[in-house]
Amino acid sequence: MSPPVDGAELVARLAESPLEQSDTAAFLTGADGAQGYSELHGLVVISAVSSLFSPGGDDACLFVARAQDVDDATDTSYSGPVSYGCGAGPFPASVEMRVTDDMPEAFVAQFPSGTALQFVLDETTSSVVVFAAVD
C-alpha cells in the first residue's frame, strides 16, 4: 500500500492480534466479532462491521483508542477518546487524526504532537497500515 499523499511515510503495519477485551470491544464498536491488531505505542486498533457506525452495516469500521481506556472499561462502559472511520464499498475503513498531548506518553515520544496520522484497514493482508506526515 502506497502513502496516500506526498510527504507521508509508512510507519507501521499492525498484524491481527487477539482481543483480550472482547466485551469492551463489542461495546465500543457496537458489534460482535471485533478484530484487534498489534498495539501501537499505547493505542489499540480494532476493526468490526458495525451497523451502529456504518449506514447499511455491510462495511468494516476501524476504531483507535488509548489502550489504558480500553483496559479500564467494562462491557457496559467506556470513558476516553476514540477515533473511528468506516469503509464504503471499495474504499477501505480509515481513521485520520492528529497526535495530541493527551495520547500515551510512549506514542507522543514516537510521533510529536501535531503529527498527522492515517490508519488504513488492509483486508488483503489482514493488517492495518499506519502512515505519518508532518505539515
N, C-alpha and C. Protein backbone atom coordinates (compact mmCIF):
# COMPACT_ATOMS: atom_id res chain seq x y z
N MET A 1 0.86 -1.17 0.00
CA MET A 1 0.00 0.00 0.00
C MET A 1 0.90 1.23 0.00
N SER A 2 0.63 2.14 -0.90
CA SER A 2 1.43 3.35 -1.05
C SER A 2 0.94 4.46 -0.12
N PRO A 3 1.85 5.37 0.26
CA PRO A 3 1.42 6.52 1.06
C PRO A 3 0.32 7.29 0.33
N PRO A 4 -0.67 7.77 1.08
CA PRO A 4 -1.82 8.44 0.46
C PRO A 4 -1.53 9.82 -0.10
N VAL A 5 -0.52 10.50 0.42
CA VAL A 5 -0.19 11.86 -0.03
C VAL A 5 1.32 12.04 -0.04
N ASP A 6 1.80 13.02 -0.80
CA ASP A 6 3.22 13.34 -0.80
C ASP A 6 3.64 13.75 0.61
N GLY A 7 4.79 13.28 1.04
CA GLY A 7 5.30 13.64 2.35
C GLY A 7 4.91 12.66 3.45
N ALA A 8 3.96 11.78 3.17
CA ALA A 8 3.57 10.77 4.17
C ALA A 8 4.51 9.57 4.04
N GLU A 9 4.76 8.93 5.16
CA GLU A 9 5.58 7.73 5.12
C GLU A 9 4.92 6.61 5.91
N LEU A 10 5.14 5.39 5.45
CA LEU A 10 4.65 4.22 6.14
C LEU A 10 5.45 4.05 7.43
N VAL A 11 4.77 4.05 8.58
CA VAL A 11 5.48 3.96 9.85
C VAL A 11 5.21 2.66 10.60
N ALA A 12 4.14 1.95 10.21
CA ALA A 12 3.84 0.68 10.88
C ALA A 12 2.86 -0.13 10.06
N ARG A 13 2.94 -1.43 10.23
CA ARG A 13 1.94 -2.36 9.70
C ARG A 13 1.56 -3.23 10.89
N LEU A 14 0.33 -3.10 11.33
CA LEU A 14 -0.14 -3.79 12.53
C LEU A 14 -0.81 -5.10 12.16
N ALA A 15 -0.28 -6.20 12.67
CA ALA A 15 -0.83 -7.52 12.39
C ALA A 15 -2.04 -7.80 13.28
N GLU A 16 -2.90 -8.70 12.82
CA GLU A 16 -4.03 -9.11 13.65
C GLU A 16 -3.51 -9.68 14.96
N SER A 17 -4.24 -9.41 16.02
CA SER A 17 -3.88 -9.86 17.35
C SER A 17 -5.18 -10.12 18.12
N PRO A 18 -5.22 -11.19 18.92
CA PRO A 18 -6.45 -11.46 19.67
C PRO A 18 -6.81 -10.31 20.61
N LEU A 19 -8.10 -10.07 20.74
CA LEU A 19 -8.57 -9.04 21.66
C LEU A 19 -8.74 -9.63 23.04
N GLU A 20 -8.05 -9.07 24.02
CA GLU A 20 -8.23 -9.51 25.40
C GLU A 20 -9.51 -8.94 25.98
N GLN A 21 -9.94 -7.79 25.46
CA GLN A 21 -11.10 -7.09 25.99
C GLN A 21 -12.27 -7.24 25.02
N SER A 22 -12.68 -8.47 24.68
CA SER A 22 -13.69 -8.66 23.65
C SER A 22 -15.03 -8.04 24.04
N ASP A 23 -15.40 -8.09 25.33
CA ASP A 23 -16.66 -7.46 25.74
C ASP A 23 -16.59 -5.95 25.55
N THR A 24 -15.48 -5.34 25.93
CA THR A 24 -15.31 -3.91 25.76
C THR A 24 -15.30 -3.54 24.28
N ALA A 25 -14.63 -4.34 23.47
CA ALA A 25 -14.58 -4.06 22.03
C ALA A 25 -15.98 -4.11 21.44
N ALA A 26 -16.78 -5.07 21.85
CA ALA A 26 -18.15 -5.17 21.35
C ALA A 26 -18.96 -3.95 21.77
N PHE A 27 -18.77 -3.50 23.01
CA PHE A 27 -19.48 -2.32 23.50
C PHE A 27 -19.02 -1.07 22.74
N LEU A 28 -17.70 -0.94 22.58
CA LEU A 28 -17.12 0.24 21.93
C LEU A 28 -17.52 0.34 20.47
N THR A 29 -17.53 -0.78 19.77
CA THR A 29 -17.80 -0.77 18.33
C THR A 29 -19.27 -0.98 17.99
N GLY A 30 -20.04 -1.45 18.95
CA GLY A 30 -21.44 -1.77 18.68
C GLY A 30 -21.60 -3.03 17.86
N ALA A 31 -20.57 -3.91 17.88
CA ALA A 31 -20.62 -5.12 17.05
C ALA A 31 -19.93 -6.28 17.75
N ASP A 32 -20.43 -7.47 17.50
CA ASP A 32 -19.72 -8.69 17.92
C ASP A 32 -18.71 -9.03 16.84
N GLY A 33 -17.75 -9.88 17.16
CA GLY A 33 -16.79 -10.31 16.17
C GLY A 33 -15.74 -9.28 15.84
N ALA A 34 -15.44 -8.38 16.76
CA ALA A 34 -14.42 -7.37 16.52
C ALA A 34 -13.05 -8.02 16.41
N GLN A 35 -12.18 -7.43 15.59
CA GLN A 35 -10.81 -7.93 15.40
C GLN A 35 -9.82 -6.92 15.93
N GLY A 36 -8.89 -7.36 16.75
CA GLY A 36 -7.84 -6.49 17.26
C GLY A 36 -6.59 -6.58 16.41
N TYR A 37 -5.71 -5.60 16.61
CA TYR A 37 -4.43 -5.54 15.91
C TYR A 37 -3.35 -5.23 16.92
N SER A 38 -2.10 -5.41 16.55
CA SER A 38 -0.98 -5.13 17.45
C SER A 38 -1.10 -3.73 18.02
N GLU A 39 -0.82 -3.58 19.30
CA GLU A 39 -0.87 -2.27 19.95
C GLU A 39 0.26 -1.40 19.39
N LEU A 40 -0.02 -0.11 19.25
CA LEU A 40 0.97 0.82 18.72
C LEU A 40 1.27 1.89 19.76
N HIS A 41 2.34 1.70 20.52
CA HIS A 41 2.79 2.69 21.50
C HIS A 41 1.66 3.19 22.40
N GLY A 42 0.82 2.26 22.88
CA GLY A 42 -0.24 2.64 23.80
C GLY A 42 -1.59 2.90 23.16
N LEU A 43 -1.70 2.72 21.84
CA LEU A 43 -3.00 2.83 21.17
C LEU A 43 -3.47 1.45 20.73
N VAL A 44 -4.77 1.21 20.87
CA VAL A 44 -5.40 -0.04 20.45
C VAL A 44 -6.17 0.23 19.16
N VAL A 45 -6.06 -0.68 18.20
CA VAL A 45 -6.77 -0.56 16.93
C VAL A 45 -7.67 -1.78 16.80
N ILE A 46 -8.95 -1.52 16.50
CA ILE A 46 -9.97 -2.57 16.40
C ILE A 46 -10.74 -2.36 15.10
N SER A 47 -11.07 -3.46 14.41
CA SER A 47 -11.96 -3.35 13.25
C SER A 47 -13.20 -4.20 13.52
N ALA A 48 -14.31 -3.77 12.95
CA ALA A 48 -15.58 -4.50 13.09
C ALA A 48 -16.55 -4.01 12.04
N VAL A 49 -17.44 -4.88 11.63
CA VAL A 49 -18.57 -4.47 10.80
C VAL A 49 -19.64 -4.03 11.78
N SER A 50 -19.99 -2.76 11.74
CA SER A 50 -20.86 -2.17 12.75
C SER A 50 -21.99 -1.37 12.13
N SER A 51 -23.22 -1.86 12.28
CA SER A 51 -24.37 -1.11 11.75
C SER A 51 -24.61 0.16 12.55
N LEU A 52 -24.05 0.21 13.78
CA LEU A 52 -24.18 1.41 14.60
C LEU A 52 -23.42 2.59 13.99
N PHE A 53 -22.27 2.33 13.37
CA PHE A 53 -21.42 3.39 12.83
C PHE A 53 -21.43 3.47 11.30
N SER A 54 -21.80 2.39 10.63
CA SER A 54 -21.77 2.36 9.17
C SER A 54 -23.18 2.17 8.64
N PRO A 55 -23.74 3.18 7.98
CA PRO A 55 -25.09 3.04 7.41
C PRO A 55 -25.15 1.82 6.49
N GLY A 56 -26.15 1.00 6.67
CA GLY A 56 -26.26 -0.22 5.87
C GLY A 56 -25.59 -1.39 6.55
N GLY A 57 -24.58 -1.13 7.37
CA GLY A 57 -23.95 -2.16 8.19
C GLY A 57 -23.13 -3.20 7.48
N ASP A 58 -22.79 -3.00 6.20
CA ASP A 58 -22.03 -4.01 5.47
C ASP A 58 -20.54 -3.70 5.36
N ASP A 59 -20.15 -2.49 5.73
CA ASP A 59 -18.75 -2.09 5.56
C ASP A 59 -18.02 -2.12 6.90
N ALA A 60 -16.76 -2.49 6.85
CA ALA A 60 -15.94 -2.53 8.06
C ALA A 60 -15.63 -1.13 8.56
N CYS A 61 -15.52 -1.00 9.86
CA CYS A 61 -15.13 0.26 10.50
C CYS A 61 -13.84 0.00 11.28
N LEU A 62 -13.07 1.04 11.47
CA LEU A 62 -11.82 0.99 12.20
C LEU A 62 -11.93 1.94 13.38
N PHE A 63 -11.47 1.49 14.55
CA PHE A 63 -11.54 2.26 15.79
C PHE A 63 -10.15 2.35 16.40
N VAL A 64 -9.75 3.54 16.86
CA VAL A 64 -8.46 3.75 17.50
C VAL A 64 -8.73 4.40 18.85
N ALA A 65 -8.20 3.79 19.92
CA ALA A 65 -8.42 4.29 21.28
C ALA A 65 -7.16 4.07 22.12
N ARG A 66 -7.07 4.79 23.23
CA ARG A 66 -5.96 4.58 24.15
C ARG A 66 -6.13 3.22 24.84
N ALA A 67 -5.06 2.44 24.88
CA ALA A 67 -5.12 1.12 25.50
C ALA A 67 -5.55 1.20 26.95
N GLN A 68 -5.06 2.20 27.69
CA GLN A 68 -5.42 2.31 29.11
C GLN A 68 -6.92 2.48 29.29
N ASP A 69 -7.58 3.19 28.39
CA ASP A 69 -9.03 3.39 28.49
C ASP A 69 -9.78 2.10 28.19
N VAL A 70 -9.32 1.35 27.20
CA VAL A 70 -9.96 0.09 26.86
C VAL A 70 -9.73 -0.92 27.97
N ASP A 71 -8.53 -0.94 28.53
CA ASP A 71 -8.22 -1.87 29.63
C ASP A 71 -9.07 -1.58 30.87
N ASP A 72 -9.37 -0.32 31.13
CA ASP A 72 -10.14 0.07 32.32
C ASP A 72 -11.64 -0.01 32.11
N ALA A 73 -12.07 -0.21 30.89
CA ALA A 73 -13.51 -0.21 30.58
C ALA A 73 -14.14 -1.54 31.00
N THR A 74 -15.46 -1.54 31.03
CA THR A 74 -16.20 -2.77 31.28
C THR A 74 -17.03 -3.07 30.05
N ASP A 75 -17.79 -4.15 30.13
CA ASP A 75 -18.61 -4.49 28.97
C ASP A 75 -19.82 -3.57 28.82
N THR A 76 -19.99 -2.63 29.75
CA THR A 76 -21.11 -1.69 29.66
C THR A 76 -20.70 -0.23 29.75
N SER A 77 -19.40 0.04 29.88
CA SER A 77 -18.99 1.44 29.95
C SER A 77 -17.60 1.63 29.37
N TYR A 78 -17.41 2.82 28.81
CA TYR A 78 -16.12 3.20 28.24
C TYR A 78 -15.97 4.69 28.45
N SER A 79 -14.81 5.10 28.91
CA SER A 79 -14.56 6.53 29.10
C SER A 79 -13.21 6.87 28.48
N GLY A 80 -13.23 7.72 27.48
CA GLY A 80 -11.99 8.13 26.84
C GLY A 80 -12.23 8.44 25.38
N PRO A 81 -11.26 9.09 24.75
CA PRO A 81 -11.42 9.43 23.33
C PRO A 81 -11.33 8.20 22.44
N VAL A 82 -12.05 8.21 21.36
CA VAL A 82 -11.96 7.17 20.35
C VAL A 82 -12.15 7.84 18.98
N SER A 83 -11.32 7.47 18.04
CA SER A 83 -11.46 7.95 16.67
C SER A 83 -11.89 6.76 15.82
N TYR A 84 -12.76 7.01 14.85
CA TYR A 84 -13.20 5.91 14.01
C TYR A 84 -13.52 6.40 12.60
N GLY A 85 -13.53 5.45 11.70
CA GLY A 85 -13.93 5.71 10.32
C GLY A 85 -14.36 4.40 9.69
N CYS A 86 -15.29 4.46 8.76
CA CYS A 86 -15.82 3.26 8.12
C CYS A 86 -15.55 3.28 6.63
N GLY A 87 -15.41 2.11 6.07
CA GLY A 87 -15.23 1.98 4.64
C GLY A 87 -16.55 2.22 3.93
N ALA A 88 -16.48 2.33 2.62
CA ALA A 88 -17.67 2.48 1.78
C ALA A 88 -17.40 1.77 0.47
N GLY A 89 -18.07 0.65 0.27
CA GLY A 89 -17.85 -0.11 -0.96
C GLY A 89 -16.39 -0.48 -1.13
N PRO A 90 -15.75 -0.05 -2.24
CA PRO A 90 -14.36 -0.44 -2.49
C PRO A 90 -13.34 0.34 -1.64
N PHE A 91 -13.78 1.40 -0.96
CA PHE A 91 -12.85 2.19 -0.15
C PHE A 91 -12.70 1.57 1.23
N PRO A 92 -11.46 1.36 1.68
CA PRO A 92 -11.26 0.71 2.97
C PRO A 92 -11.55 1.66 4.14
N ALA A 93 -11.84 1.05 5.28
CA ALA A 93 -12.01 1.83 6.51
C ALA A 93 -10.69 2.52 6.82
N SER A 94 -10.78 3.78 7.26
CA SER A 94 -9.57 4.51 7.65
C SER A 94 -9.91 5.50 8.74
N VAL A 95 -8.89 5.84 9.50
CA VAL A 95 -9.01 6.84 10.56
C VAL A 95 -7.89 7.84 10.36
N GLU A 96 -8.24 9.12 10.29
CA GLU A 96 -7.25 10.19 10.20
C GLU A 96 -7.32 10.98 11.50
N MET A 97 -6.15 11.30 12.04
CA MET A 97 -6.12 12.03 13.30
C MET A 97 -4.79 12.75 13.45
N ARG A 98 -4.76 13.70 14.36
CA ARG A 98 -3.51 14.38 14.74
C ARG A 98 -3.09 13.90 16.12
N VAL A 99 -1.80 13.82 16.32
CA VAL A 99 -1.27 13.46 17.63
C VAL A 99 -1.47 14.64 18.57
N THR A 100 -1.99 14.35 19.75
CA THR A 100 -2.21 15.37 20.78
C THR A 100 -1.49 14.97 22.06
N ASP A 101 -1.29 15.92 22.93
CA ASP A 101 -0.56 15.66 24.16
C ASP A 101 -1.28 14.74 25.13
N ASP A 102 -2.59 14.49 24.92
CA ASP A 102 -3.30 13.59 25.83
C ASP A 102 -3.20 12.13 25.38
N MET A 103 -2.45 11.87 24.33
CA MET A 103 -2.20 10.49 23.90
C MET A 103 -1.13 9.89 24.80
N PRO A 104 -0.99 8.57 24.80
CA PRO A 104 0.01 7.92 25.67
C PRO A 104 1.41 8.51 25.47
N GLU A 105 2.12 8.61 26.56
CA GLU A 105 3.47 9.21 26.55
C GLU A 105 4.38 8.54 25.52
N ALA A 106 4.32 7.21 25.46
CA ALA A 106 5.17 6.47 24.51
C ALA A 106 4.81 6.81 23.06
N PHE A 107 3.54 7.09 22.81
CA PHE A 107 3.10 7.43 21.46
C PHE A 107 3.61 8.82 21.08
N VAL A 108 3.46 9.79 22.00
CA VAL A 108 3.91 11.16 21.73
C VAL A 108 5.43 11.21 21.60
N ALA A 109 6.14 10.32 22.30
CA ALA A 109 7.59 10.26 22.17
C ALA A 109 7.99 9.80 20.77
N GLN A 110 7.18 8.93 20.18
CA GLN A 110 7.46 8.42 18.83
C GLN A 110 6.98 9.38 17.74
N PHE A 111 5.80 9.98 17.98
CA PHE A 111 5.19 10.89 16.99
C PHE A 111 4.87 12.20 17.70
N PRO A 112 5.61 13.26 17.44
CA PRO A 112 5.41 14.53 18.14
C PRO A 112 3.99 15.08 17.97
N SER A 113 3.54 15.83 18.94
CA SER A 113 2.24 16.46 18.91
C SER A 113 2.09 17.25 17.60
N GLY A 114 0.93 17.09 16.95
CA GLY A 114 0.67 17.77 15.69
C GLY A 114 0.89 16.90 14.47
N THR A 115 1.61 15.76 14.62
CA THR A 115 1.82 14.86 13.50
C THR A 115 0.48 14.34 13.00
N ALA A 116 0.29 14.31 11.69
CA ALA A 116 -0.93 13.76 11.10
C ALA A 116 -0.72 12.26 10.87
N LEU A 117 -1.73 11.47 11.23
CA LEU A 117 -1.65 10.02 11.08
C LEU A 117 -2.85 9.52 10.29
N GLN A 118 -2.63 8.45 9.57
CA GLN A 118 -3.72 7.75 8.90
C GLN A 118 -3.55 6.26 9.16
N PHE A 119 -4.62 5.63 9.67
CA PHE A 119 -4.68 4.20 9.89
C PHE A 119 -5.62 3.64 8.81
N VAL A 120 -5.15 2.67 8.02
CA VAL A 120 -5.95 2.13 6.91
C VAL A 120 -6.06 0.62 7.06
N LEU A 121 -7.29 0.12 7.03
CA LEU A 121 -7.53 -1.32 7.08
C LEU A 121 -7.16 -1.92 5.73
N ASP A 122 -6.21 -2.85 5.73
CA ASP A 122 -5.78 -3.53 4.51
C ASP A 122 -6.27 -4.97 4.60
N GLU A 123 -7.45 -5.22 4.06
CA GLU A 123 -8.05 -6.55 4.17
C GLU A 123 -7.30 -7.59 3.36
N THR A 124 -6.52 -7.18 2.35
CA THR A 124 -5.78 -8.15 1.55
C THR A 124 -4.64 -8.78 2.34
N THR A 125 -4.11 -8.05 3.33
CA THR A 125 -3.02 -8.59 4.16
C THR A 125 -3.46 -8.80 5.61
N SER A 126 -4.74 -8.61 5.90
CA SER A 126 -5.27 -8.75 7.27
C SER A 126 -4.46 -7.91 8.25
N SER A 127 -4.24 -6.66 7.91
CA SER A 127 -3.44 -5.79 8.74
C SER A 127 -3.98 -4.35 8.69
N VAL A 128 -3.44 -3.51 9.54
CA VAL A 128 -3.72 -2.08 9.49
C VAL A 128 -2.41 -1.37 9.19
N VAL A 129 -2.42 -0.55 8.16
CA VAL A 129 -1.24 0.19 7.73
C VAL A 129 -1.34 1.60 8.31
N VAL A 130 -0.22 2.08 8.86
CA VAL A 130 -0.20 3.41 9.50
C VAL A 130 0.78 4.30 8.77
N PHE A 131 0.28 5.47 8.35
CA PHE A 131 1.09 6.48 7.69
C PHE A 131 1.20 7.70 8.59
N ALA A 132 2.32 8.42 8.51
CA ALA A 132 2.51 9.64 9.27
C ALA A 132 3.04 10.73 8.34
N ALA A 133 2.64 11.96 8.65
CA ALA A 133 3.13 13.12 7.88
C ALA A 133 3.15 14.33 8.82
N VAL A 134 4.14 15.18 8.59
CA VAL A 134 4.24 16.42 9.36
C VAL A 134 3.99 17.55 8.38
N ASP A 135 3.12 18.49 8.76
CA ASP A 135 2.81 19.63 7.88
C ASP A 135 4.03 20.50 7.69
